[in-house]
Each structure stands twice: as C-alpha cells, then as structure tokens.
C-alpha cells in the first residue's frame, strides 16, 4: 500500500489522522475533539 520509500505508515497518520478529518474543522465538533486530544 506504500506509494514509495518516502511514504511510511506512520507518516500517513500524520498528514491525515482519522479524528482530525473535515469534521474536526467544524467549530461544533471542535469541542468534541478538544477532550479527545
């Protein structure tokens, strides 16, 4: 699944974590993400 040596599994989580998706950008969901982080 790696696109190349520069793409590592842990790097994939760094640029797009599941809990910091588009929903995290919403102010309404920001309060839900705050305690989670």
Protein backbone atom coordinates (compact mmCIF):
# COMPACT_ATOMS: atom_id res chain seq x y z
CA UNK A 1 0.00 0.00 0.00
CA UNK A 2 3.04 2.23 0.25
CA UNK A 3 3.46 4.63 -2.66
CA UNK A 4 7.21 4.68 -2.10
CA UNK A 5 10.03 4.82 0.48
CA UNK A 6 9.03 8.38 1.37
CA UNK A 7 5.54 7.20 2.32
CA UNK A 8 5.57 5.48 5.68
CA UNK A 9 2.56 4.05 7.55
CA UNK A 10 3.04 6.40 10.50
CA UNK A 11 3.50 9.36 8.15
CA UNK A 12 0.13 8.56 6.60
CA UNK A 13 -1.44 9.06 10.02
CA UNK A 14 0.47 12.31 10.46
CA UNK A 15 -0.92 14.15 7.44
CA UNK A 16 -4.43 12.72 7.75
CA UNK A 17 -5.45 11.34 11.14
CA UNK A 18 -8.99 9.85 11.29
CA UNK A 19 -10.09 12.10 14.17
CA UNK A 20 -8.71 15.28 12.58
CA UNK A 21 -10.70 14.99 9.38
CA UNK A 22 -13.11 17.55 7.84
CA UNK A 23 -15.37 17.16 10.88
CA UNK A 24 -12.61 18.48 13.14
CA UNK A 25 -12.64 21.74 11.18
CA UNK A 26 -16.21 22.46 12.24
CA UNK A 27 -16.47 24.63 15.37
CA UNK A 28 -19.32 22.44 16.57
CA UNK A 29 -17.13 19.35 16.50
CA UNK A 30 -14.08 21.18 17.80
CA UNK A 31 -15.42 20.90 21.34
CA UNK A 32 -15.72 17.15 20.78
CA UNK A 33 -12.15 16.91 19.54
CA UNK A 34 -10.71 19.01 22.37
CA UNK A 35 -11.22 16.40 25.14
CA UNK A 36 -10.27 13.63 22.73
CA UNK A 37 -6.86 15.16 22.09
